[in-house]
Each structure stands twice: as C-alpha cells, then as structure tokens.
PDB file of N, CA and C in Angstrom:
ATOM      1  N   MET A   1       0.815  -1.040   0.021  1.00  0.00           N
ATOM      2  CA  MET A   1       0.036  -0.019   0.060  1.00  0.00           C
ATOM      3  C   MET A   1       0.844   1.283   0.022  1.00  0.00           C
ATOM      4  N   ASN A   2       0.591   2.135  -0.816  1.00  0.00           N
ATOM      5  CA  ASN A   2       1.151   3.499  -0.912  1.00  0.00           C
ATOM      6  C   ASN A   2       0.385   4.488  -0.077  1.00  0.00           C
ATOM      7  N   GLY A   3       1.000   5.506   0.195  1.00  0.00           N
ATOM      8  CA  GLY A   3       0.221   6.606   0.959  1.00  0.00           C
ATOM      9  C   GLY A   3       1.115   7.005   2.125  1.00  0.00           C
ATOM     10  N   PRO A   4       0.719   8.029   2.819  1.00  0.00           N
ATOM     11  CA  PRO A   4       1.443   8.664   3.938  1.00  0.00           C
ATOM     12  C   PRO A   4       1.438   7.737   5.230  1.00  0.00           C
ATOM     13  N   PHE A   5       0.553   6.789   5.194  1.00  0.00           N
ATOM     14  CA  PHE A   5       0.575   6.102   6.499  1.00  0.00           C
ATOM     15  C   PHE A   5       1.406   4.905   6.507  1.00  0.00           C
ATOM     16  N   TRP A   6       1.665   4.313   5.261  1.00  0.00           N
ATOM     17  CA  TRP A   6       2.594   3.166   5.001  1.00  0.00           C
ATOM     18  C   TRP A   6       3.944   3.559   4.487  1.00  0.00           C
ATOM     19  N   ASN A   7       4.075   4.639   3.846  1.00  0.00           N
ATOM     20  CA  ASN A   7       5.325   5.025   3.268  1.00  0.00           C
ATOM     21  C   ASN A   7       5.540   6.510   3.647  1.00  0.00           C
ATOM     22  N   PRO A   8       5.777   6.982   4.676  1.00  0.00           N
ATOM     23  CA  PRO A   8       5.892   8.322   5.071  1.00  0.00           C
ATOM     24  C   PRO A   8       7.231   8.871   4.466  1.00  0.00           C
ATOM     25  N   LYS A   9       7.163  10.078   4.088  1.00  0.00           N
ATOM     26  CA  LYS A   9       8.514  10.667   3.453  1.00  0.00           C
ATOM     27  C   LYS A   9       9.099  11.488   4.626  1.00  0.00           C
ATOM     28  N   VAL A  10      10.438  11.301   4.703  1.00  0.00           N
ATOM     29  CA  VAL A  10      11.256  11.897   5.650  1.00  0.00           C
ATOM     30  C   VAL A  10      11.681  13.271   5.067  1.00  0.00           C
ATOM     31  N   ARG A  11      11.336  14.321   5.779  1.00  0.00           N
ATOM     32  CA  ARG A  11      11.734  15.728   5.341  1.00  0.00           C
ATOM     33  C   ARG A  11      13.200  16.006   5.784  1.00  0.00           C
ATOM     34  N   TRP A  12      13.787  17.021   5.389  1.00  0.00           N
ATOM     35  CA  TRP A  12      14.947  17.478   5.752  1.00  0.00           C
ATOM     36  C   TRP A  12      15.067  17.882   7.117  1.00  0.00           C
ATOM     37  N   TYR A  13      13.927  18.573   7.534  1.00  0.00           N
ATOM     38  CA  TYR A  13      13.888  19.085   8.900  1.00  0.00           C
ATOM     39  C   TYR A  13      13.570  18.039  10.069  1.00  0.00           C
ATOM     40  N   ASP A  14      13.060  16.811   9.437  1.00  0.00           N
ATOM     41  CA  ASP A  14      12.949  15.860  10.352  1.00  0.00           C
ATOM     42  C   ASP A  14      14.246  15.308  11.116  1.00  0.00           C
ATOM     43  N   TRP A  15      15.363  15.317  10.219  1.00  0.00           N
ATOM     44  CA  TRP A  15      16.630  14.921  10.798  1.00  0.00           C
ATOM     45  C   TRP A  15      17.056  15.875  11.931  1.00  0.00           C
ATOM     46  N   PHE A  16      16.824  17.140  11.781  1.00  0.00           N
ATOM     47  CA  PHE A  16      17.297  18.175  12.738  1.00  0.00           C
ATOM     48  C   PHE A  16      16.469  17.927  14.007  1.00  0.00           C
ATOM     49  N   ALA A  17      15.070  17.894  13.775  1.00  0.00           N
ATOM     50  CA  ALA A  17      14.229  17.798  14.898  1.00  0.00           C
ATOM     51  C   ALA A  17      14.585  16.341  15.821  1.00  0.00           C
ATOM     52  N   ALA A  18      14.876  15.314  14.982  1.00  0.00           N
ATOM     53  CA  ALA A  18      15.054  14.003  15.554  1.00  0.00           C
ATOM     54  C   ALA A  18      16.523  14.011  16.372  1.00  0.00           C
ATOM     55  N   LEU A  19      17.386  14.714  15.789  1.00  0.00           N
ATOM     56  CA  LEU A  19      18.865  14.749  16.424  1.00  0.00           C
ATOM     57  C   LEU A  19      18.876  15.629  17.680  1.00  0.00           C
ATOM     58  N   PHE A  20      17.970  16.807  17.436  1.00  0.00           N
ATOM     59  CA  PHE A  20      17.859  17.697  18.705  1.00  0.00           C
ATOM     60  C   PHE A  20      17.072  16.878  19.824  1.00  0.00           C
ATOM     61  N   ALA A  21      16.084  16.274  19.519  1.00  0.00           N
ATOM     62  CA  ALA A  21      15.183  15.636  20.640  1.00  0.00           C
ATOM     63  C   ALA A  21      16.111  14.559  21.174  1.00  0.00           C
ATOM     64  N   ALA A  22      16.734  13.701  20.394  1.00  0.00           N
ATOM     65  CA  ALA A  22      17.728  12.725  20.950  1.00  0.00           C
ATOM     66  C   ALA A  22      18.767  13.131  21.712  1.00  0.00           C
ATOM     67  N   ASP A  23      19.339  14.217  21.316  1.00  0.00           N
ATOM     68  CA  ASP A  23      20.394  14.783  22.144  1.00  0.00           C
ATOM     69  C   ASP A  23      19.860  15.431  23.529  1.00  0.00           C
ATOM     70  N   LEU A  24      18.853  16.077  23.389  1.00  0.00           N
ATOM     71  CA  LEU A  24      18.220  16.597  24.674  1.00  0.00           C
ATOM     72  C   LEU A  24      17.798  15.535  25.684  1.00  0.00           C
ATOM     73  N   ILE A  25      17.352  14.434  25.053  1.00  0.00           N
ATOM     74  CA  ILE A  25      16.926  13.296  25.977  1.00  0.00           C
ATOM     75  C   ILE A  25      18.178  12.539  26.451  1.00  0.00           C
ATOM     76  N   TRP A  26      19.252  12.396  25.625  1.00  0.00           N
ATOM     77  CA  TRP A  26      20.392  11.589  25.988  1.00  0.00           C
ATOM     78  C   TRP A  26      21.127  12.414  27.167  1.00  0.00           C
ATOM     79  N   GLU A  27      21.284  13.726  26.901  1.00  0.00           N
ATOM     80  CA  GLU A  27      22.062  14.492  27.903  1.00  0.00           C
ATOM     81  C   GLU A  27      21.331  14.445  29.289  1.00  0.00           C
ATOM     82  N   ASN A  28      20.082  14.750  29.129  1.00  0.00           N
ATOM     83  CA  ASN A  28      19.324  14.858  30.455  1.00  0.00           C
ATOM     84  C   ASN A  28      19.237  13.438  31.104  1.00  0.00           C
ATOM     85  N   ALA A  29      19.183  12.357  30.397  1.00  0.00           N
ATOM     86  CA  ALA A  29      19.181  11.074  30.939  1.00  0.00           C
ATOM     87  C   ALA A  29      20.564  10.761  31.715  1.00  0.00           C
ATOM     88  N   LYS A  30      21.704  11.223  31.148  1.00  0.00           N
ATOM     89  CA  LYS A  30      22.942  11.089  31.678  1.00  0.00           C
ATOM     90  C   LYS A  30      22.904  11.804  33.046  1.00  0.00           C
ATOM     91  N   ILE A  31      22.339  13.039  33.022  1.00  0.00           N
ATOM     92  CA  ILE A  31      22.185  13.898  34.225  1.00  0.00           C
ATOM     93  C   ILE A  31      21.346  13.046  35.421  1.00  0.00           C
ATOM     94  N   VAL A  32      20.328  12.423  34.835  1.00  0.00           N
ATOM     95  CA  VAL A  32      19.372  11.666  35.818  1.00  0.00           C
ATOM     96  C   VAL A  32      20.241  10.438  36.431  1.00  0.00           C
ATOM     97  N   LEU A  33      20.930   9.836  35.628  1.00  0.00           N
ATOM     98  CA  LEU A  33      21.634   8.654  36.001  1.00  0.00           C
ATOM     99  C   LEU A  33      22.960   8.951  36.860  1.00  0.00           C
ATOM    100  N   PHE A  34      23.564   9.984  36.549  1.00  0.00           N
ATOM    101  CA  PHE A  34      24.838  10.114  37.262  1.00  0.00           C
ATOM    102  C   PHE A  34      25.063  11.417  38.143  1.00  0.00           C
ATOM    103  N   SER A  35      23.928  12.225  38.277  1.00  0.00           N
ATOM    104  CA  SER A  35      24.131  13.383  39.059  1.00  0.00           C
ATOM    105  C   SER A  35      23.906  12.889  40.673  1.00  0.00           C
ATOM    106  N   GLU A  36      24.632  13.598  41.349  1.00  0.00           N
ATOM    107  CA  GLU A  36      24.477  13.370  42.893  1.00  0.00           C
ATOM    108  C   GLU A  36      23.551  14.410  43.490  1.00  0.00           C
ATOM    109  N   ASN A  37      23.206  15.579  42.771  1.00  0.00           N
ATOM    110  CA  ASN A  37      22.378  16.420  43.226  1.00  0.00           C
ATOM    111  C   ASN A  37      20.907  16.055  42.911  1.00  0.00           C
ATOM    112  N   PHE A  38      20.057  16.118  44.038  1.00  0.00           N
ATOM    113  CA  PHE A  38      18.644  15.631  43.735  1.00  0.00           C
ATOM    114  C   PHE A  38      18.009  16.697  42.901  1.00  0.00           C
ATOM    115  N   LEU A  39      18.167  18.015  43.030  1.00  0.00           N
ATOM    116  CA  LEU A  39      17.482  19.058  42.221  1.00  0.00           C
ATOM    117  C   LEU A  39      17.857  18.899  40.794  1.00  0.00           C
ATOM    118  N   SER A  40      19.057  18.660  40.461  1.00  0.00           N
ATOM    119  CA  SER A  40      19.369  18.561  39.033  1.00  0.00           C
ATOM    120  C   SER A  40      18.736  17.168  38.389  1.00  0.00           C
ATOM    121  N   THR A  41      18.672  16.207  39.240  1.00  0.00           N
ATOM    122  CA  THR A  41      18.174  14.937  38.887  1.00  0.00           C
ATOM    123  C   THR A  41      16.636  15.128  38.541  1.00  0.00           C
ATOM    124  N   PHE A  42      15.876  15.923  39.430  1.00  0.00           N
ATOM    125  CA  PHE A  42      14.509  16.114  39.327  1.00  0.00           C
ATOM    126  C   PHE A  42      14.284  16.865  38.065  1.00  0.00           C
ATOM    127  N   PHE A  43      14.974  17.961  37.857  1.00  0.00           N
ATOM    128  CA  PHE A  43      14.729  18.797  36.664  1.00  0.00           C
ATOM    129  C   PHE A  43      15.214  18.157  35.394  1.00  0.00           C
ATOM    130  N   ALA A  44      16.101  17.306  35.380  1.00  0.00           N
ATOM    131  CA  ALA A  44      16.520  16.592  34.157  1.00  0.00           C
ATOM    132  C   ALA A  44      15.538  15.452  33.802  1.00  0.00           C
ATOM    133  N   SER A  45      14.986  14.852  34.908  1.00  0.00           N
ATOM    134  CA  SER A  45      13.882  13.820  34.693  1.00  0.00           C
ATOM    135  C   SER A  45      12.717  14.534  33.954  1.00  0.00           C
ATOM    136  N   ILE A  46      12.388  15.672  34.500  1.00  0.00           N
ATOM    137  CA  ILE A  46      11.167  16.459  33.968  1.00  0.00           C
ATOM    138  C   ILE A  46      11.403  16.831  32.454  1.00  0.00           C
ATOM    139  N   ALA A  47      12.662  17.248  32.263  1.00  0.00           N
ATOM    140  CA  ALA A  47      13.008  17.599  30.816  1.00  0.00           C
ATOM    141  C   ALA A  47      13.086  16.358  29.911  1.00  0.00           C
ATOM    142  N   VAL A  48      13.465  15.235  30.317  1.00  0.00           N
ATOM    143  CA  VAL A  48      13.389  13.958  29.545  1.00  0.00           C
ATOM    144  C   VAL A  48      11.938  13.542  29.385  1.00  0.00           C
ATOM    145  N   TYR A  49      11.111  13.774  30.234  1.00  0.00           N
ATOM    146  CA  TYR A  49       9.748  13.458  30.197  1.00  0.00           C
ATOM    147  C   TYR A  49       9.046  14.341  29.029  1.00  0.00           C
ATOM    148  N   PHE A  50       9.182  15.665  29.189  1.00  0.00           N
ATOM    149  CA  PHE A  50       8.539  16.629  28.336  1.00  0.00           C
ATOM    150  C   PHE A  50       9.196  16.596  26.935  1.00  0.00           C
ATOM    151  N   ALA A  51      10.495  16.214  26.698  1.00  0.00           N
ATOM    152  CA  ALA A  51      11.009  16.128  25.413  1.00  0.00           C
ATOM    153  C   ALA A  51      10.416  14.863  24.716  1.00  0.00           C
ATOM    154  N   TRP A  52      10.291  13.862  25.498  1.00  0.00           N
ATOM    155  CA  TRP A  52       9.732  12.601  24.890  1.00  0.00           C
ATOM    156  C   TRP A  52       8.189  12.707  24.447  1.00  0.00           C
ATOM    157  N   ASP A  53       7.509  13.347  25.353  1.00  0.00           N
ATOM    158  CA  ASP A  53       6.127  13.753  25.225  1.00  0.00           C
ATOM    159  C   ASP A  53       5.953  14.586  23.934  1.00  0.00           C
ATOM    160  N   ILE A  54       6.682  15.643  23.944  1.00  0.00           N
ATOM    161  CA  ILE A  54       6.657  16.638  22.713  1.00  0.00           C
ATOM    162  C   ILE A  54       7.024  15.823  21.527  1.00  0.00           C
ATOM    163  N   TRP A  55       7.961  15.072  21.458  1.00  0.00           N
ATOM    164  CA  TRP A  55       8.502  14.352  20.202  1.00  0.00           C
ATOM    165  C   TRP A  55       7.275  13.239  19.814  1.00  0.00           C
ATOM    166  N   ASN A  56       6.900  12.646  20.891  1.00  0.00           N
ATOM    167  CA  ASN A  56       5.849  11.534  20.574  1.00  0.00           C
ATOM    168  C   ASN A  56       4.478  12.022  20.099  1.00  0.00           C
ATOM    169  N   TRP A  57       4.024  13.036  20.789  1.00  0.00           N
ATOM    170  CA  TRP A  57       2.662  13.463  20.563  1.00  0.00           C
ATOM    171  C   TRP A  57       2.605  14.594  19.419  1.00  0.00           C
ATOM    172  N   TYR A  58       3.250  15.587  19.821  1.00  0.00           N
ATOM    173  CA  TYR A  58       3.123  16.809  18.964  1.00  0.00           C
ATOM    174  C   TYR A  58       3.772  16.788  17.662  1.00  0.00           C
ATOM    175  N   CYS A  59       5.060  16.421  17.564  1.00  0.00           N
ATOM    176  CA  CYS A  59       5.768  16.254  16.380  1.00  0.00           C
ATOM    177  C   CYS A  59       5.186  15.146  15.404  1.00  0.00           C
ATOM    178  N   GLY A  60       4.954  14.073  16.096  1.00  0.00           N
ATOM    179  CA  GLY A  60       4.391  12.885  15.250  1.00  0.00           C
ATOM    180  C   GLY A  60       3.045  13.267  14.687  1.00  0.00           C
ATOM    181  N   LYS A  61       2.183  13.780  15.548  1.00  0.00           N
ATOM    182  CA  LYS A  61       0.774  14.290  14.925  1.00  0.00           C
ATOM    183  C   LYS A  61       0.913  15.344  13.927  1.00  0.00           C
ATOM    184  N   PHE A  62       1.750  16.202  14.082  1.00  0.00           N
ATOM    185  CA  PHE A  62       1.933  17.305  13.163  1.00  0.00           C
ATOM    186  C   PHE A  62       2.477  16.706  11.805  1.00  0.00           C
ATOM    187  N   ARG A  63       3.494  15.814  11.724  1.00  0.00           N
ATOM    188  CA  ARG A  63       3.873  15.191  10.626  1.00  0.00           C
ATOM    189  C   ARG A  63       2.872  14.333   9.865  1.00  0.00           C
ATOM    190  N   LEU A  64       2.090  13.558  10.575  1.00  0.00           N
ATOM    191  CA  LEU A  64       1.067  12.710  10.073  1.00  0.00           C
ATOM    192  C   LEU A  64       0.015  13.574   9.515  1.00  0.00           C
ATOM    193  N   ARG A  65      -0.452  14.666  10.084  1.00  0.00           N
ATOM    194  CA  ARG A  65      -1.536  15.693   9.561  1.00  0.00           C
ATOM    195  C   ARG A  65      -0.867  16.254   8.255  1.00  0.00           C
ATOM    196  N   GLN A  66       0.484  16.613   8.241  1.00  0.00           N
ATOM    197  CA  GLN A  66       0.995  17.263   7.110  1.00  0.00           C
ATOM    198  C   GLN A  66       0.959  16.322   5.918  1.00  0.00           C
ATOM    199  N   GLU A  67       1.448  14.996   6.117  1.00  0.00           N
ATOM    200  CA  GLU A  67       1.502  14.071   5.029  1.00  0.00           C
ATOM    201  C   GLU A  67       0.033  13.704   4.477  1.00  0.00           C
ATOM    202  N   PHE A  68      -0.848  13.649   5.436  1.00  0.00           N
ATOM    203  CA  PHE A  68      -2.335  13.303   5.189  1.00  0.00           C
ATOM    204  C   PHE A  68      -2.922  14.403   4.283  1.00  0.00           C
ATOM    205  N   GLU A  69      -2.617  15.762   4.565  1.00  0.00           N
ATOM    206  CA  GLU A  69      -3.280  16.836   3.968  1.00  0.00           C
ATOM    207  C   GLU A  69      -2.578  16.801   2.350  1.00  0.00           C
ATOM    208  N   LYS A  70      -1.296  16.563   2.280  1.00  0.00           N
ATOM    209  CA  LYS A  70      -0.571  16.530   1.115  1.00  0.00           C
ATOM    210  C   LYS A  70      -1.183  15.262   0.207  1.00  0.00           C
ATOM    211  N   PHE A  71      -1.280  14.223   0.794  1.00  0.00           N
ATOM    212  CA  PHE A  71      -1.794  12.950   0.034  1.00  0.00           C
ATOM    213  C   PHE A  71      -3.290  13.251  -0.223  1.00  0.00           C
ATOM    214  N   SER A  72      -4.120  13.869   0.475  1.00  0.00           N
ATOM    215  CA  SER A  72      -5.511  14.144   0.049  1.00  0.00           C
ATOM    216  C   SER A  72      -5.495  15.174  -1.012  1.00  0.00           C
ATOM    217  N   ALA A  73      -4.744  16.166  -1.117  1.00  0.00           N
ATOM    218  CA  ALA A  73      -4.651  17.051  -2.204  1.00  0.00           C
ATOM    219  C   ALA A  73      -4.152  16.392  -3.509  1.00  0.00           C
ATOM    220  N   GLU A  74      -3.197  15.390  -3.267  1.00  0.00           N
ATOM    221  CA  GLU A  74      -2.803  14.751  -4.518  1.00  0.00           C
ATOM    222  C   GLU A  74      -3.973  13.795  -5.054  1.00  0.00           C
ATOM    223  N   VAL A  75      -4.706  13.070  -4.205  1.00  0.00           N
ATOM    224  CA  VAL A  75      -5.874  12.359  -4.625  1.00  0.00           C
ATOM    225  C   VAL A  75      -6.859  13.210  -5.187  1.00  0.00           C
ATOM    226  N   GLU A  76      -7.198  14.343  -4.676  1.00  0.00           N
ATOM    227  CA  GLU A  76      -8.185  15.145  -5.171  1.00  0.00           C
ATOM    228  C   GLU A  76      -7.753  15.682  -6.621  1.00  0.00           C
ATOM    229  N   GLN A  77      -6.595  16.087  -6.783  1.00  0.00           N
ATOM    230  CA  GLN A  77      -5.939  16.481  -8.007  1.00  0.00           C
ATOM    231  C   GLN A  77      -6.113  15.363  -9.120  1.00  0.00           C
ATOM    232  N   HIS A  78      -5.752  14.173  -8.678  1.00  0.00           N
ATOM    233  CA  HIS A  78      -5.903  13.082  -9.588  1.00  0.00           C
ATOM    234  C   HIS A  78      -7.307  12.731  -9.904  1.00  0.00           C
ATOM    235  N   MET A  79      -8.281  12.877  -8.922  1.00  0.00           N
ATOM    236  CA  MET A  79      -9.673  12.477  -9.466  1.00  0.00           C
ATOM    237  C   MET A  79     -10.135  13.772 -10.270  1.00  0.00           C
ATOM    238  N   ASN A  80      -9.769  14.930 -10.131  1.00  0.00           N
ATOM    239  CA  ASN A  80     -10.041  16.041 -11.008  1.00  0.00           C
ATOM    240  C   ASN A  80      -9.605  15.741 -12.382  1.00  0.00           C
ATOM    241  N   ASP A  81      -8.264  15.293 -12.517  1.00  0.00           N
ATOM    242  CA  ASP A  81      -7.758  15.059 -13.746  1.00  0.00           C
ATOM    243  C   ASP A  81      -8.505  13.983 -14.576  1.00  0.00           C
ATOM    244  N   LEU A  82      -8.939  12.984 -13.817  1.00  0.00           N
ATOM    245  CA  LEU A  82      -9.785  11.899 -14.317  1.00  0.00           C
ATOM    246  C   LEU A  82     -10.966  12.131 -14.898  1.00  0.00           C
ATOM    247  N   THR A  83     -11.755  13.147 -14.058  1.00  0.00           N
ATOM    248  CA  THR A  83     -13.096  13.561 -14.588  1.00  0.00           C
ATOM    249  C   THR A  83     -12.967  14.623 -15.753  1.00  0.00           C
ATOM    250  N   GLU A  84     -11.862  15.285 -15.872  1.00  0.00           N
ATOM    251  CA  GLU A  84     -11.641  16.324 -16.964  1.00  0.00           C
ATOM    252  C   GLU A  84     -11.279  15.379 -18.228  1.00  0.00           C
ATOM    253  N   ASN A  85     -10.551  14.301 -18.034  1.00  0.00           N
ATOM    254  CA  ASN A  85     -10.119  13.488 -19.346  1.00  0.00           C
ATOM    255  C   ASN A  85     -11.453  12.740 -19.830  1.00  0.00           C
ATOM    256  N   LYS A  86     -12.464  12.538 -18.975  1.00  0.00           N
ATOM    257  CA  LYS A  86     -13.600  11.776 -19.522  1.00  0.00           C
ATOM    258  C   LYS A  86     -14.562  12.810 -20.418  1.00  0.00           C
ATOM    259  N   LYS A  87     -14.435  14.109 -20.164  1.00  0.00           N
ATOM    260  CA  LYS A  87     -15.327  15.074 -20.997  1.00  0.00           C
ATOM    261  C   LYS A  87     -14.797  15.418 -22.289  1.00  0.00           C
TER     262      LYS A  87
END
C-alpha cells in the first residue's frame, strides 16, 4: 500500500528535529543517572519526560497531519484530472 501512513516521506527538517530531541533526551538522561544532586536529577527527569512527550505526540501528529493533507490534495487533483479526461 502506498500513502502517507505506509510510506511516510522523511523531510530534511525531520533529521534536525530528531537529532535535537535525541540529544536533549540523552544528555538529560545522563544527568538523571549520574548526578549526585537531587534538584538537578529532578529537573533533568522532567526535561526528559517533556522532550519525549513533545516528540511523541506533537511532532508525530503534526507530521502525520501534514502528510495526510498532502496526500489528500494529490488524490483530489488526480480525481479532477480523471473527470476532466472523460469530458
């Protein structure tokens, strides 16, 4: 099956967003695991949670909606082309 749900396209800005989120999560996870200060451990764990939540829910849904809108526009254009060819 083709379409945005089965074959999503990776955009150039997806790489930057993924690397930024991964670096943020990785660095804060190291702080959580190896810090001796409770306060820095607490804030780093909150940062890891929110970075993961933002990446999982907001970025994923944004990209899915973006691909779906593009796919819908392509299907609509294709259907218009088919109906114009019949006339």
